[in-house]
Amino acid sequence: MKKNIKIAILGGGGRTGKILVTQFINQGYSLKLLLRNPENFTIQSPLIEVLKGDAIDAESIRFLIQDCQAVISTVGQRKDEPLVFSRATINVLNSMEEFRIKRYILLAGLNVDTPFDKKSPKTSIATQWMKTNFPRPHADRQKAYSILSKSNANWTLVRVPLIEFSSVKGKIIVNLEDCKGDKISAIDIATFLIKQLFDKRYIKKAPFIANH
């Protein structure tokens, strides 16, 4: 097992999540995954422990996080389903406090605002588009950021533009004030998220990442 660390994964059944799980397994990490439909999950490895449950259920999160040293979430909002972002964040933070876990890494869109942003017109237009077309999920993401910013956890909220599902790695541009590219590959997202386990530069920050 890599560095004697077990990682709790939320959203591991999604398109980006599966790429993240595969990259973790390739690097020898032990994982605990919370899946609503584990029967549909096809990645097989002795390094994976799968639990059936939902991120908006506090007890599911509690069982997931127990015995882990860090939590990573790539959870997305499903159409016509209960809002997940803020509820999952509350559940995770509560269980992290109970089990004395500090590291929490999350994936979000570039539309999340922070007080430190200096968004370009292009990023601002994309943000406004999300606010207009998906007001409830956007507000829920924003609420999750507010909850994180008041917590004691060592969180990092990674903000991304359009995700390309490519196996080709590119150059990752990181910026704390604005998104410097239009797209990011899922494999580069996975690479960056994994690096955050030991990179302290973005603790309690919300970096944008994009491909050059």
N, C-alpha and C. Protein backbone atom coordinates (compact mmCIF):
# COMPACT_ATOMS: atom_id res chain seq x y z
N MET A 1 0.85 -1.19 0.00
CA MET A 1 0.00 0.00 0.00
C MET A 1 0.88 1.25 0.00
N LYS A 2 0.56 2.22 -0.86
CA LYS A 2 1.39 3.41 -1.03
C LYS A 2 1.39 4.26 0.23
N LYS A 3 2.57 4.41 0.80
CA LYS A 3 2.78 5.33 1.92
C LYS A 3 1.84 5.07 3.11
N ASN A 4 1.32 3.86 3.21
CA ASN A 4 0.42 3.49 4.31
C ASN A 4 -0.78 4.43 4.43
N ILE A 5 -1.27 4.91 3.30
CA ILE A 5 -2.40 5.83 3.28
C ILE A 5 -3.59 5.17 2.60
N LYS A 6 -4.75 5.32 3.23
CA LYS A 6 -6.00 4.89 2.60
C LYS A 6 -6.83 6.13 2.31
N ILE A 7 -7.32 6.22 1.08
CA ILE A 7 -8.04 7.40 0.62
C ILE A 7 -9.52 7.09 0.48
N ALA A 8 -10.37 7.93 1.06
CA ALA A 8 -11.81 7.83 0.87
C ALA A 8 -12.19 8.62 -0.39
N ILE A 9 -12.93 7.98 -1.29
CA ILE A 9 -13.28 8.59 -2.57
C ILE A 9 -14.79 8.73 -2.69
N LEU A 10 -15.24 9.96 -2.97
CA LEU A 10 -16.63 10.23 -3.32
C LEU A 10 -16.68 10.56 -4.80
N GLY A 11 -17.66 10.02 -5.51
CA GLY A 11 -17.78 10.28 -6.94
C GLY A 11 -16.92 9.36 -7.79
N GLY A 12 -16.45 8.27 -7.21
CA GLY A 12 -15.57 7.36 -7.94
C GLY A 12 -16.25 6.60 -9.06
N GLY A 13 -17.57 6.63 -9.12
CA GLY A 13 -18.30 5.96 -10.19
C GLY A 13 -18.55 6.83 -11.40
N GLY A 14 -18.21 8.13 -11.32
CA GLY A 14 -18.38 9.04 -12.44
C GLY A 14 -17.24 8.95 -13.43
N ARG A 15 -17.35 9.67 -14.53
CA ARG A 15 -16.33 9.58 -15.58
C ARG A 15 -14.96 10.06 -15.11
N THR A 16 -14.94 11.21 -14.45
CA THR A 16 -13.67 11.71 -13.90
C THR A 16 -13.23 10.85 -12.73
N GLY A 17 -14.19 10.44 -11.90
CA GLY A 17 -13.87 9.62 -10.74
C GLY A 17 -13.22 8.30 -11.10
N LYS A 18 -13.67 7.67 -12.15
CA LYS A 18 -13.08 6.38 -12.57
C LYS A 18 -11.64 6.56 -13.01
N ILE A 19 -11.36 7.66 -13.69
CA ILE A 19 -9.97 7.93 -14.09
C ILE A 19 -9.11 8.20 -12.86
N LEU A 20 -9.66 8.93 -11.90
CA LEU A 20 -8.94 9.16 -10.64
C LEU A 20 -8.65 7.85 -9.93
N VAL A 21 -9.65 6.99 -9.82
CA VAL A 21 -9.47 5.70 -9.15
C VAL A 21 -8.39 4.88 -9.85
N THR A 22 -8.43 4.84 -11.17
CA THR A 22 -7.43 4.08 -11.93
C THR A 22 -6.02 4.61 -11.68
N GLN A 23 -5.86 5.93 -11.65
CA GLN A 23 -4.55 6.51 -11.40
C GLN A 23 -4.06 6.19 -9.99
N PHE A 24 -4.95 6.24 -9.03
CA PHE A 24 -4.58 5.87 -7.66
C PHE A 24 -4.12 4.42 -7.59
N ILE A 25 -4.88 3.53 -8.21
CA ILE A 25 -4.54 2.11 -8.19
C ILE A 25 -3.19 1.87 -8.87
N ASN A 26 -2.95 2.54 -9.98
CA ASN A 26 -1.68 2.40 -10.69
C ASN A 26 -0.50 2.83 -9.82
N GLN A 27 -0.76 3.75 -8.87
CA GLN A 27 0.29 4.21 -7.97
C GLN A 27 0.34 3.43 -6.66
N GLY A 28 -0.53 2.44 -6.51
CA GLY A 28 -0.47 1.56 -5.36
C GLY A 28 -1.17 2.03 -4.11
N TYR A 29 -2.09 2.98 -4.25
CA TYR A 29 -2.84 3.46 -3.08
C TYR A 29 -4.01 2.54 -2.75
N SER A 30 -4.34 2.45 -1.48
CA SER A 30 -5.52 1.74 -1.02
C SER A 30 -6.68 2.72 -0.97
N LEU A 31 -7.86 2.30 -1.46
CA LEU A 31 -9.01 3.19 -1.58
C LEU A 31 -10.25 2.61 -0.94
N LYS A 32 -11.10 3.52 -0.43
CA LYS A 32 -12.46 3.18 -0.03
C LYS A 32 -13.40 4.05 -0.86
N LEU A 33 -14.31 3.40 -1.58
CA LEU A 33 -15.22 4.10 -2.46
C LEU A 33 -16.64 4.00 -1.94
N LEU A 34 -17.36 5.13 -1.96
CA LEU A 34 -18.78 5.13 -1.66
C LEU A 34 -19.53 5.25 -2.98
N LEU A 35 -20.34 4.22 -3.29
CA LEU A 35 -21.06 4.18 -4.56
C LEU A 35 -22.53 3.91 -4.33
N ARG A 36 -23.37 4.63 -5.05
CA ARG A 36 -24.80 4.38 -4.92
C ARG A 36 -25.20 3.09 -5.63
N ASN A 37 -24.49 2.78 -6.72
CA ASN A 37 -24.78 1.58 -7.50
C ASN A 37 -23.50 0.78 -7.73
N PRO A 38 -23.00 0.13 -6.69
CA PRO A 38 -21.71 -0.57 -6.83
C PRO A 38 -21.74 -1.71 -7.85
N GLU A 39 -22.94 -2.22 -8.15
CA GLU A 39 -23.04 -3.31 -9.12
C GLU A 39 -22.65 -2.85 -10.53
N ASN A 40 -22.65 -1.54 -10.76
CA ASN A 40 -22.29 -1.01 -12.08
C ASN A 40 -20.82 -0.62 -12.17
N PHE A 41 -20.08 -0.79 -11.08
CA PHE A 41 -18.68 -0.39 -11.05
C PHE A 41 -17.81 -1.55 -11.51
N THR A 42 -17.01 -1.33 -12.56
CA THR A 42 -16.30 -2.43 -13.21
C THR A 42 -14.81 -2.50 -12.90
N ILE A 43 -14.25 -1.48 -12.23
CA ILE A 43 -12.82 -1.52 -11.93
C ILE A 43 -12.58 -2.52 -10.80
N GLN A 44 -11.71 -3.47 -11.05
CA GLN A 44 -11.42 -4.51 -10.08
C GLN A 44 -9.98 -4.39 -9.57
N SER A 45 -9.81 -4.38 -8.26
CA SER A 45 -8.48 -4.35 -7.67
C SER A 45 -8.57 -4.72 -6.20
N PRO A 46 -7.60 -5.48 -5.69
CA PRO A 46 -7.57 -5.79 -4.26
C PRO A 46 -7.33 -4.54 -3.41
N LEU A 47 -6.95 -3.42 -4.05
CA LEU A 47 -6.71 -2.18 -3.33
C LEU A 47 -7.99 -1.38 -3.11
N ILE A 48 -9.10 -1.83 -3.70
CA ILE A 48 -10.36 -1.10 -3.61
C ILE A 48 -11.33 -1.78 -2.66
N GLU A 49 -11.86 -1.01 -1.73
CA GLU A 49 -12.97 -1.45 -0.88
C GLU A 49 -14.18 -0.60 -1.25
N VAL A 50 -15.29 -1.24 -1.59
CA VAL A 50 -16.48 -0.54 -2.05
C VAL A 50 -17.58 -0.61 -0.99
N LEU A 51 -18.16 0.55 -0.69
CA LEU A 51 -19.31 0.63 0.20
C LEU A 51 -20.50 1.16 -0.58
N LYS A 52 -21.68 0.60 -0.32
CA LYS A 52 -22.90 1.10 -0.96
C LYS A 52 -23.50 2.19 -0.08
N GLY A 53 -23.78 3.35 -0.68
CA GLY A 53 -24.35 4.43 0.10
C GLY A 53 -24.42 5.70 -0.72
N ASP A 54 -24.83 6.78 -0.07
CA ASP A 54 -25.05 8.05 -0.74
C ASP A 54 -24.33 9.16 0.01
N ALA A 55 -23.75 10.09 -0.73
CA ALA A 55 -22.98 11.17 -0.11
C ALA A 55 -23.83 12.10 0.75
N ILE A 56 -25.14 12.15 0.49
CA ILE A 56 -26.00 13.03 1.29
C ILE A 56 -26.47 12.35 2.58
N ASP A 57 -26.06 11.10 2.76
CA ASP A 57 -26.42 10.35 3.97
C ASP A 57 -25.23 10.38 4.93
N ALA A 58 -25.42 10.97 6.10
CA ALA A 58 -24.32 11.17 7.05
C ALA A 58 -23.70 9.85 7.49
N GLU A 59 -24.52 8.83 7.70
CA GLU A 59 -23.98 7.56 8.18
C GLU A 59 -23.14 6.87 7.10
N SER A 60 -23.54 7.00 5.84
CA SER A 60 -22.74 6.45 4.74
C SER A 60 -21.36 7.09 4.72
N ILE A 61 -21.31 8.42 4.88
CA ILE A 61 -20.04 9.12 4.89
C ILE A 61 -19.20 8.70 6.09
N ARG A 62 -19.83 8.50 7.20
CA ARG A 62 -19.11 8.10 8.41
C ARG A 62 -18.41 6.76 8.21
N PHE A 63 -19.13 5.79 7.64
CA PHE A 63 -18.53 4.48 7.38
C PHE A 63 -17.43 4.57 6.34
N LEU A 64 -17.61 5.46 5.38
CA LEU A 64 -16.59 5.62 4.33
C LEU A 64 -15.29 6.15 4.90
N ILE A 65 -15.38 7.20 5.69
CA ILE A 65 -14.19 7.93 6.12
C ILE A 65 -13.42 7.22 7.22
N GLN A 66 -14.10 6.43 8.00
CA GLN A 66 -13.43 5.72 9.10
C GLN A 66 -12.25 4.92 8.57
N ASP A 67 -11.10 5.04 9.22
CA ASP A 67 -9.86 4.33 8.88
C ASP A 67 -9.14 4.94 7.68
N CYS A 68 -9.60 6.07 7.16
CA CYS A 68 -8.90 6.72 6.06
C CYS A 68 -8.09 7.90 6.57
N GLN A 69 -7.15 8.36 5.74
CA GLN A 69 -6.29 9.48 6.12
C GLN A 69 -6.57 10.75 5.31
N ALA A 70 -7.38 10.63 4.26
CA ALA A 70 -7.72 11.79 3.44
C ALA A 70 -9.00 11.47 2.67
N VAL A 71 -9.67 12.53 2.22
CA VAL A 71 -10.91 12.40 1.47
C VAL A 71 -10.80 13.20 0.17
N ILE A 72 -11.19 12.58 -0.94
CA ILE A 72 -11.24 13.28 -2.23
C ILE A 72 -12.62 13.10 -2.83
N SER A 73 -13.20 14.22 -3.31
CA SER A 73 -14.53 14.17 -3.89
C SER A 73 -14.54 14.73 -5.31
N THR A 74 -15.10 13.93 -6.23
CA THR A 74 -15.37 14.41 -7.59
C THR A 74 -16.88 14.33 -7.86
N VAL A 75 -17.66 14.40 -6.80
CA VAL A 75 -19.11 14.27 -6.91
C VAL A 75 -19.68 15.36 -7.81
N GLY A 76 -20.61 14.96 -8.68
CA GLY A 76 -21.31 15.90 -9.53
C GLY A 76 -22.80 15.90 -9.21
N GLN A 77 -23.48 16.96 -9.63
CA GLN A 77 -24.91 17.06 -9.40
C GLN A 77 -25.67 16.33 -10.50
N ARG A 78 -26.52 15.38 -10.11
CA ARG A 78 -27.34 14.66 -11.08
C ARG A 78 -28.65 15.40 -11.30
N LYS A 79 -29.11 15.39 -12.54
CA LYS A 79 -30.32 16.11 -12.90
C LYS A 79 -31.54 15.57 -12.14
N ASP A 80 -32.35 16.50 -11.66
CA ASP A 80 -33.62 16.17 -11.00
C ASP A 80 -33.44 15.35 -9.72
N GLU A 81 -32.27 15.48 -9.09
CA GLU A 81 -32.03 14.78 -7.83
C GLU A 81 -31.73 15.80 -6.73
N PRO A 82 -31.82 15.40 -5.46
CA PRO A 82 -31.54 16.34 -4.37
C PRO A 82 -30.14 16.96 -4.49
N LEU A 83 -30.03 18.20 -4.08
CA LEU A 83 -28.74 18.89 -4.11
C LEU A 83 -27.73 18.15 -3.23
N VAL A 84 -26.52 17.98 -3.73
CA VAL A 84 -25.56 17.09 -3.07
C VAL A 84 -24.35 17.81 -2.48
N PHE A 85 -23.92 18.93 -3.08
CA PHE A 85 -22.62 19.48 -2.74
C PHE A 85 -22.48 19.92 -1.29
N SER A 86 -23.37 20.80 -0.86
CA SER A 86 -23.23 21.32 0.51
C SER A 86 -23.53 20.24 1.55
N ARG A 87 -24.52 19.41 1.27
CA ARG A 87 -24.87 18.35 2.23
C ARG A 87 -23.71 17.36 2.39
N ALA A 88 -23.10 16.97 1.27
CA ALA A 88 -21.96 16.06 1.33
C ALA A 88 -20.79 16.70 2.07
N THR A 89 -20.57 17.99 1.83
CA THR A 89 -19.48 18.69 2.49
C THR A 89 -19.68 18.73 4.00
N ILE A 90 -20.90 19.01 4.44
CA ILE A 90 -21.20 19.00 5.87
C ILE A 90 -20.96 17.61 6.46
N ASN A 91 -21.43 16.60 5.77
CA ASN A 91 -21.26 15.22 6.26
C ASN A 91 -19.79 14.84 6.36
N VAL A 92 -19.03 15.20 5.33
CA VAL A 92 -17.60 14.87 5.32
C VAL A 92 -16.88 15.61 6.44
N LEU A 93 -17.12 16.89 6.58
CA LEU A 93 -16.42 17.67 7.61
C LEU A 93 -16.76 17.17 9.01
N ASN A 94 -18.00 16.81 9.24
CA ASN A 94 -18.38 16.27 10.56
C ASN A 94 -17.65 14.97 10.86
N SER A 95 -17.59 14.08 9.88
CA SER A 95 -16.91 12.80 10.10
C SER A 95 -15.40 12.98 10.18
N MET A 96 -14.86 13.91 9.41
CA MET A 96 -13.43 14.19 9.51
C MET A 96 -13.06 14.66 10.91
N GLU A 97 -13.90 15.50 11.48
CA GLU A 97 -13.64 15.98 12.84
C GLU A 97 -13.71 14.82 13.84
N GLU A 98 -14.69 13.95 13.65
CA GLU A 98 -14.84 12.82 14.56
C GLU A 98 -13.62 11.90 14.52
N PHE A 99 -13.13 11.63 13.32
CA PHE A 99 -12.03 10.68 13.17
C PHE A 99 -10.66 11.36 13.06
N ARG A 100 -10.63 12.67 13.28
CA ARG A 100 -9.39 13.44 13.28
C ARG A 100 -8.63 13.32 11.96
N ILE A 101 -9.38 13.46 10.88
CA ILE A 101 -8.81 13.49 9.53
C ILE A 101 -8.75 14.94 9.09
N LYS A 102 -7.66 15.35 8.48
CA LYS A 102 -7.50 16.77 8.15
C LYS A 102 -7.64 17.08 6.65
N ARG A 103 -7.22 16.17 5.77
CA ARG A 103 -7.10 16.54 4.35
C ARG A 103 -8.35 16.21 3.56
N TYR A 104 -8.89 17.23 2.88
CA TYR A 104 -10.12 17.12 2.09
C TYR A 104 -9.91 17.86 0.78
N ILE A 105 -10.00 17.14 -0.33
CA ILE A 105 -9.74 17.70 -1.66
C ILE A 105 -11.00 17.50 -2.50
N LEU A 106 -11.49 18.59 -3.10
CA LEU A 106 -12.74 18.54 -3.84
C LEU A 106 -12.57 19.12 -5.23
N LEU A 107 -13.42 18.64 -6.13
CA LEU A 107 -13.45 19.14 -7.50
C LEU A 107 -14.71 19.98 -7.70
N ALA A 108 -14.57 21.13 -8.37
CA ALA A 108 -15.71 22.00 -8.65
C ALA A 108 -15.50 22.69 -9.99
N GLY A 109 -16.55 23.36 -10.47
CA GLY A 109 -16.44 24.12 -11.70
C GLY A 109 -15.84 25.49 -11.47
N LEU A 110 -15.47 26.15 -12.57
CA LEU A 110 -14.86 27.47 -12.46
C LEU A 110 -15.86 28.54 -12.02
N ASN A 111 -17.17 28.17 -11.98
CA ASN A 111 -18.19 29.15 -11.62
C ASN A 111 -18.24 29.48 -10.13
N VAL A 112 -17.59 28.67 -9.29
CA VAL A 112 -17.54 28.99 -7.86
C VAL A 112 -16.71 30.27 -7.67
N ASP A 113 -17.26 31.19 -6.89
CA ASP A 113 -16.57 32.45 -6.62
C ASP A 113 -15.91 32.41 -5.24
N THR A 114 -14.74 33.07 -5.13
CA THR A 114 -14.10 33.28 -3.84
C THR A 114 -13.75 34.76 -3.72
N PRO A 115 -13.51 35.25 -2.51
CA PRO A 115 -13.16 36.67 -2.33
C PRO A 115 -11.82 37.05 -2.96
N PHE A 116 -11.04 36.06 -3.37
CA PHE A 116 -9.69 36.31 -3.87
C PHE A 116 -9.63 36.32 -5.39
N ASP A 117 -10.77 36.09 -6.07
CA ASP A 117 -10.80 35.98 -7.52
C ASP A 117 -10.60 37.33 -8.22
N LYS A 118 -9.96 37.24 -9.37
CA LYS A 118 -9.90 38.35 -10.34
C LYS A 118 -10.21 37.74 -11.70
N LYS A 119 -11.46 37.31 -11.85
CA LYS A 119 -11.86 36.58 -13.04
C LYS A 119 -11.85 37.47 -14.28
N SER A 120 -11.32 36.91 -15.35
CA SER A 120 -11.32 37.60 -16.64
C SER A 120 -12.75 37.69 -17.17
N PRO A 121 -12.99 38.53 -18.19
CA PRO A 121 -14.32 38.58 -18.79
C PRO A 121 -14.82 37.22 -19.26
N LYS A 122 -13.93 36.41 -19.85
CA LYS A 122 -14.33 35.09 -20.32
C LYS A 122 -14.78 34.19 -19.17
N THR A 123 -14.01 34.16 -18.08
CA THR A 123 -14.37 33.35 -16.92
C THR A 123 -15.63 33.89 -16.26
N SER A 124 -15.76 35.21 -16.22
CA SER A 124 -16.96 35.81 -15.63
C SER A 124 -18.21 35.47 -16.43
N ILE A 125 -18.10 35.46 -17.76
CA ILE A 125 -19.24 35.10 -18.61
C ILE A 125 -19.64 33.64 -18.36
N ALA A 126 -18.64 32.75 -18.26
CA ALA A 126 -18.93 31.34 -17.99
C ALA A 126 -19.58 31.17 -16.63
N THR A 127 -19.12 31.94 -15.66
CA THR A 127 -19.70 31.91 -14.32
C THR A 127 -21.16 32.36 -14.35
N GLN A 128 -21.41 33.46 -15.03
CA GLN A 128 -22.77 33.98 -15.11
C GLN A 128 -23.70 33.02 -15.85
N TRP A 129 -23.17 32.34 -16.86
CA TRP A 129 -23.97 31.36 -17.61
C TRP A 129 -24.44 30.24 -16.68
N MET A 130 -23.53 29.77 -15.83
CA MET A 130 -23.89 28.72 -14.88
C MET A 130 -24.92 29.23 -13.88
N LYS A 131 -24.73 30.45 -13.40
CA LYS A 131 -25.68 31.02 -12.44
C LYS A 131 -27.08 31.12 -13.04
N THR A 132 -27.14 31.48 -14.32
CA THR A 132 -28.42 31.68 -15.00
C THR A 132 -29.11 30.36 -15.34
N ASN A 133 -28.32 29.41 -15.83
CA ASN A 133 -28.90 28.16 -16.33
C ASN A 133 -29.02 27.05 -15.29
N PHE A 134 -28.17 27.12 -14.27
CA PHE A 134 -28.20 26.11 -13.21
C PHE A 134 -28.13 26.80 -11.85
N PRO A 135 -29.12 27.62 -11.54
CA PRO A 135 -29.03 28.45 -10.32
C PRO A 135 -28.95 27.66 -9.03
N ARG A 136 -29.73 26.58 -8.90
CA ARG A 136 -29.73 25.84 -7.64
C ARG A 136 -28.43 25.07 -7.43
N PRO A 137 -27.93 24.31 -8.42
CA PRO A 137 -26.62 23.67 -8.22
C PRO A 137 -25.50 24.67 -8.00
N HIS A 138 -25.55 25.81 -8.71
CA HIS A 138 -24.51 26.82 -8.50
C HIS A 138 -24.54 27.35 -7.07
N ALA A 139 -25.74 27.68 -6.60
CA ALA A 139 -25.86 28.19 -5.23
C ALA A 139 -25.42 27.15 -4.21
N ASP A 140 -25.67 25.88 -4.50
CA ASP A 140 -25.26 24.82 -3.58
C ASP A 140 -23.75 24.66 -3.56
N ARG A 141 -23.11 24.78 -4.72
CA ARG A 141 -21.64 24.77 -4.77
C ARG A 141 -21.07 25.95 -3.98
N GLN A 142 -21.69 27.11 -4.16
CA GLN A 142 -21.22 28.29 -3.46
C GLN A 142 -21.37 28.13 -1.95
N LYS A 143 -22.48 27.52 -1.55
CA LYS A 143 -22.71 27.26 -0.13
C LYS A 143 -21.64 26.31 0.41
N ALA A 144 -21.29 25.29 -0.38
CA ALA A 144 -20.25 24.35 0.05
C ALA A 144 -18.92 25.06 0.27
N TYR A 145 -18.59 26.01 -0.64
CA TYR A 145 -17.35 26.78 -0.45
C TYR A 145 -17.39 27.57 0.85
N SER A 146 -18.53 28.19 1.13
CA SER A 146 -18.67 28.97 2.35
C SER A 146 -18.47 28.10 3.58
N ILE A 147 -19.03 26.90 3.55
CA ILE A 147 -18.88 25.95 4.66
C ILE A 147 -17.41 25.56 4.83
N LEU A 148 -16.75 25.27 3.71
CA LEU A 148 -15.34 24.90 3.75
C LEU A 148 -14.50 26.03 4.35
N SER A 149 -14.76 27.25 3.91
CA SER A 149 -13.92 28.37 4.31
C SER A 149 -13.98 28.65 5.81
N LYS A 150 -15.04 28.17 6.45
CA LYS A 150 -15.19 28.37 7.90
C LYS A 150 -14.75 27.14 8.71
N SER A 151 -14.31 26.11 8.02
CA SER A 151 -13.97 24.86 8.71
C SER A 151 -12.50 24.84 9.14
N ASN A 152 -12.17 23.88 9.98
CA ASN A 152 -10.79 23.69 10.43
C ASN A 152 -10.02 22.70 9.58
N ALA A 153 -10.68 22.13 8.57
CA ALA A 153 -10.05 21.12 7.73
C ALA A 153 -9.00 21.74 6.82
N ASN A 154 -8.04 20.93 6.40
CA ASN A 154 -7.06 21.34 5.39
C ASN A 154 -7.63 21.00 4.02
N TRP A 155 -8.54 21.85 3.56
CA TRP A 155 -9.24 21.59 2.30
C TRP A 155 -8.56 22.28 1.13
N THR A 156 -8.80 21.73 -0.05
CA THR A 156 -8.43 22.37 -1.31
C THR A 156 -9.57 22.16 -2.28
N LEU A 157 -10.14 23.24 -2.80
CA LEU A 157 -11.22 23.18 -3.77
C LEU A 157 -10.63 23.46 -5.14
N VAL A 158 -10.55 22.43 -5.97
CA VAL A 158 -9.92 22.55 -7.29
C VAL A 158 -10.99 22.90 -8.32
N ARG A 159 -10.84 24.08 -8.95
CA ARG A 159 -11.84 24.55 -9.91
C ARG A 159 -11.36 24.33 -11.34
N VAL A 160 -12.26 23.80 -12.17
CA VAL A 160 -11.86 23.39 -13.52
C VAL A 160 -12.84 23.92 -14.58
N PRO A 161 -12.36 24.14 -15.81
CA PRO A 161 -13.23 24.47 -16.94
C PRO A 161 -13.80 23.19 -17.56
N LEU A 162 -14.11 23.21 -18.84
CA LEU A 162 -14.66 22.05 -19.54
C LEU A 162 -13.71 20.86 -19.43
N ILE A 163 -14.24 19.71 -19.04
CA ILE A 163 -13.41 18.51 -18.88
C ILE A 163 -13.40 17.71 -20.18
N GLU A 164 -12.21 17.38 -20.66
CA GLU A 164 -12.05 16.50 -21.82
C GLU A 164 -11.65 15.12 -21.33
N PHE A 165 -12.33 14.10 -21.82
CA PHE A 165 -12.04 12.74 -21.37
C PHE A 165 -11.04 12.10 -22.33
N SER A 166 -9.80 12.51 -22.12
CA SER A 166 -8.69 12.08 -22.95
C SER A 166 -7.62 11.43 -22.07
N SER A 167 -6.89 10.50 -22.64
CA SER A 167 -5.81 9.84 -21.90
C SER A 167 -4.48 10.55 -22.12
N VAL A 168 -4.52 11.65 -22.86
CA VAL A 168 -3.30 12.41 -23.17
C VAL A 168 -3.05 13.45 -22.09
N LYS A 169 -1.89 13.38 -21.47
CA LYS A 169 -1.53 14.36 -20.45
C LYS A 169 -1.00 15.63 -21.10
N GLY A 170 -1.34 16.76 -20.51
CA GLY A 170 -0.87 18.04 -21.00
C GLY A 170 -0.21 18.84 -19.90
N LYS A 171 0.12 20.09 -20.22
CA LYS A 171 0.68 20.99 -19.22
C LYS A 171 -0.45 21.57 -18.39
N ILE A 172 -0.31 21.51 -17.07
CA ILE A 172 -1.34 22.03 -16.18
C ILE A 172 -0.96 23.45 -15.74
N ILE A 173 -1.87 24.39 -15.99
CA ILE A 173 -1.67 25.77 -15.55
C ILE A 173 -2.49 25.96 -14.28
N VAL A 174 -1.86 26.41 -13.22
CA VAL A 174 -2.52 26.63 -11.94
C VAL A 174 -2.54 28.13 -11.64
N ASN A 175 -3.71 28.64 -11.23
CA ASN A 175 -3.82 30.05 -10.90
C ASN A 175 -4.87 30.22 -9.81
N LEU A 176 -4.61 31.06 -8.85
CA LEU A 176 -5.53 31.25 -7.73
C LEU A 176 -6.59 32.32 -7.99
N GLU A 177 -6.43 33.10 -9.06
CA GLU A 177 -7.33 34.23 -9.29
C GLU A 177 -8.24 34.07 -10.51
N ASP A 178 -7.80 33.30 -11.50
CA ASP A 178 -8.56 33.19 -12.74
C ASP A 178 -8.23 31.88 -13.44
N CYS A 179 -9.18 31.40 -14.25
CA CYS A 179 -8.94 30.20 -15.04
C CYS A 179 -8.24 30.59 -16.33
N LYS A 180 -7.05 30.04 -16.57
CA LYS A 180 -6.20 30.46 -17.68
C LYS A 180 -6.32 29.57 -18.92
N GLY A 181 -7.37 28.76 -18.98
CA GLY A 181 -7.58 27.93 -20.16
C GLY A 181 -9.03 27.54 -20.27
N ASP A 182 -9.41 27.03 -21.44
CA ASP A 182 -10.81 26.68 -21.71
C ASP A 182 -11.14 25.23 -21.37
N LYS A 183 -10.10 24.38 -21.27
CA LYS A 183 -10.34 22.95 -21.09
C LYS A 183 -9.30 22.36 -20.15
N ILE A 184 -9.61 21.17 -19.66
CA ILE A 184 -8.66 20.39 -18.84
C ILE A 184 -8.98 18.93 -19.06
N SER A 185 -7.96 18.10 -19.24
CA SER A 185 -8.20 16.67 -19.43
C SER A 185 -8.45 16.00 -18.09
N ALA A 186 -9.28 14.98 -18.10
CA ALA A 186 -9.62 14.27 -16.86
C ALA A 186 -8.39 13.63 -16.24
N ILE A 187 -7.46 13.18 -17.06
CA ILE A 187 -6.27 12.55 -16.50
C ILE A 187 -5.38 13.58 -15.82
N ASP A 188 -5.37 14.81 -16.34
CA ASP A 188 -4.60 15.87 -15.67
C ASP A 188 -5.28 16.30 -14.37
N ILE A 189 -6.61 16.28 -14.35
CA ILE A 189 -7.33 16.53 -13.10
C ILE A 189 -6.92 15.50 -12.06
N ALA A 190 -6.93 14.22 -12.45
CA ALA A 190 -6.57 13.14 -11.53
C ALA A 190 -5.15 13.32 -11.01
N THR A 191 -4.23 13.65 -11.90
CA THR A 191 -2.84 13.86 -11.51
C THR A 191 -2.72 14.97 -10.48
N PHE A 192 -3.41 16.08 -10.72
CA PHE A 192 -3.34 17.22 -9.80
C PHE A 192 -3.97 16.89 -8.46
N LEU A 193 -5.13 16.24 -8.47
CA LEU A 193 -5.79 15.89 -7.21
C LEU A 193 -4.92 14.99 -6.35
N ILE A 194 -4.29 14.01 -6.96
CA ILE A 194 -3.43 13.10 -6.21
C ILE A 194 -2.23 13.84 -5.60
N LYS A 195 -1.67 14.76 -6.37
CA LYS A 195 -0.52 15.53 -5.86
C LYS A 195 -0.88 16.36 -4.63
N GLN A 196 -2.15 16.75 -4.54
CA GLN A 196 -2.56 17.60 -3.41
C GLN A 196 -2.51 16.89 -2.07
N LEU A 197 -2.40 15.57 -2.09
CA LEU A 197 -2.27 14.85 -0.82
C LEU A 197 -1.06 15.31 -0.03
N PHE A 198 0.00 15.72 -0.74
CA PHE A 198 1.24 16.09 -0.07
C PHE A 198 1.71 17.50 -0.39
N ASP A 199 0.98 18.20 -1.25
CA ASP A 199 1.34 19.56 -1.63
C ASP A 199 0.58 20.54 -0.71
N LYS A 200 1.31 21.31 0.06
CA LYS A 200 0.69 22.21 1.03
C LYS A 200 0.42 23.61 0.48
N ARG A 201 0.78 23.87 -0.77
CA ARG A 201 0.66 25.22 -1.32
C ARG A 201 -0.79 25.69 -1.44
N TYR A 202 -1.71 24.73 -1.60
CA TYR A 202 -3.10 25.13 -1.88
C TYR A 202 -4.06 24.73 -0.75
N ILE A 203 -3.52 24.52 0.44
CA ILE A 203 -4.39 24.25 1.58
C ILE A 203 -5.21 25.49 1.91
N LYS A 204 -6.50 25.28 2.10
CA LYS A 204 -7.48 26.35 2.36
C LYS A 204 -7.53 27.36 1.21
N LYS A 205 -7.31 26.87 0.00
CA LYS A 205 -7.38 27.70 -1.20
C LYS A 205 -8.19 26.98 -2.29
N ALA A 206 -8.53 27.75 -3.33
CA ALA A 206 -9.36 27.20 -4.41
C ALA A 206 -8.71 27.48 -5.76
N PRO A 207 -7.66 26.75 -6.10
CA PRO A 207 -6.95 27.01 -7.36
C PRO A 207 -7.78 26.61 -8.58
N PHE A 208 -7.63 27.40 -9.65
CA PHE A 208 -8.11 26.99 -10.96
C PHE A 208 -7.01 26.17 -11.62
N ILE A 209 -7.38 25.12 -12.35
CA ILE A 209 -6.41 24.43 -13.18
C ILE A 209 -6.98 24.29 -14.60
N ALA A 210 -6.09 24.35 -15.58
CA ALA A 210 -6.49 24.22 -16.98
C ALA A 210 -5.29 23.73 -17.77
N ASN A 211 -5.54 23.28 -18.97
CA ASN A 211 -4.46 22.90 -19.88
C ASN A 211 -4.04 24.10 -20.73
N HIS A 212 -2.76 24.14 -21.03
CA HIS A 212 -2.22 25.24 -21.84
C HIS A 212 -2.78 25.16 -23.25
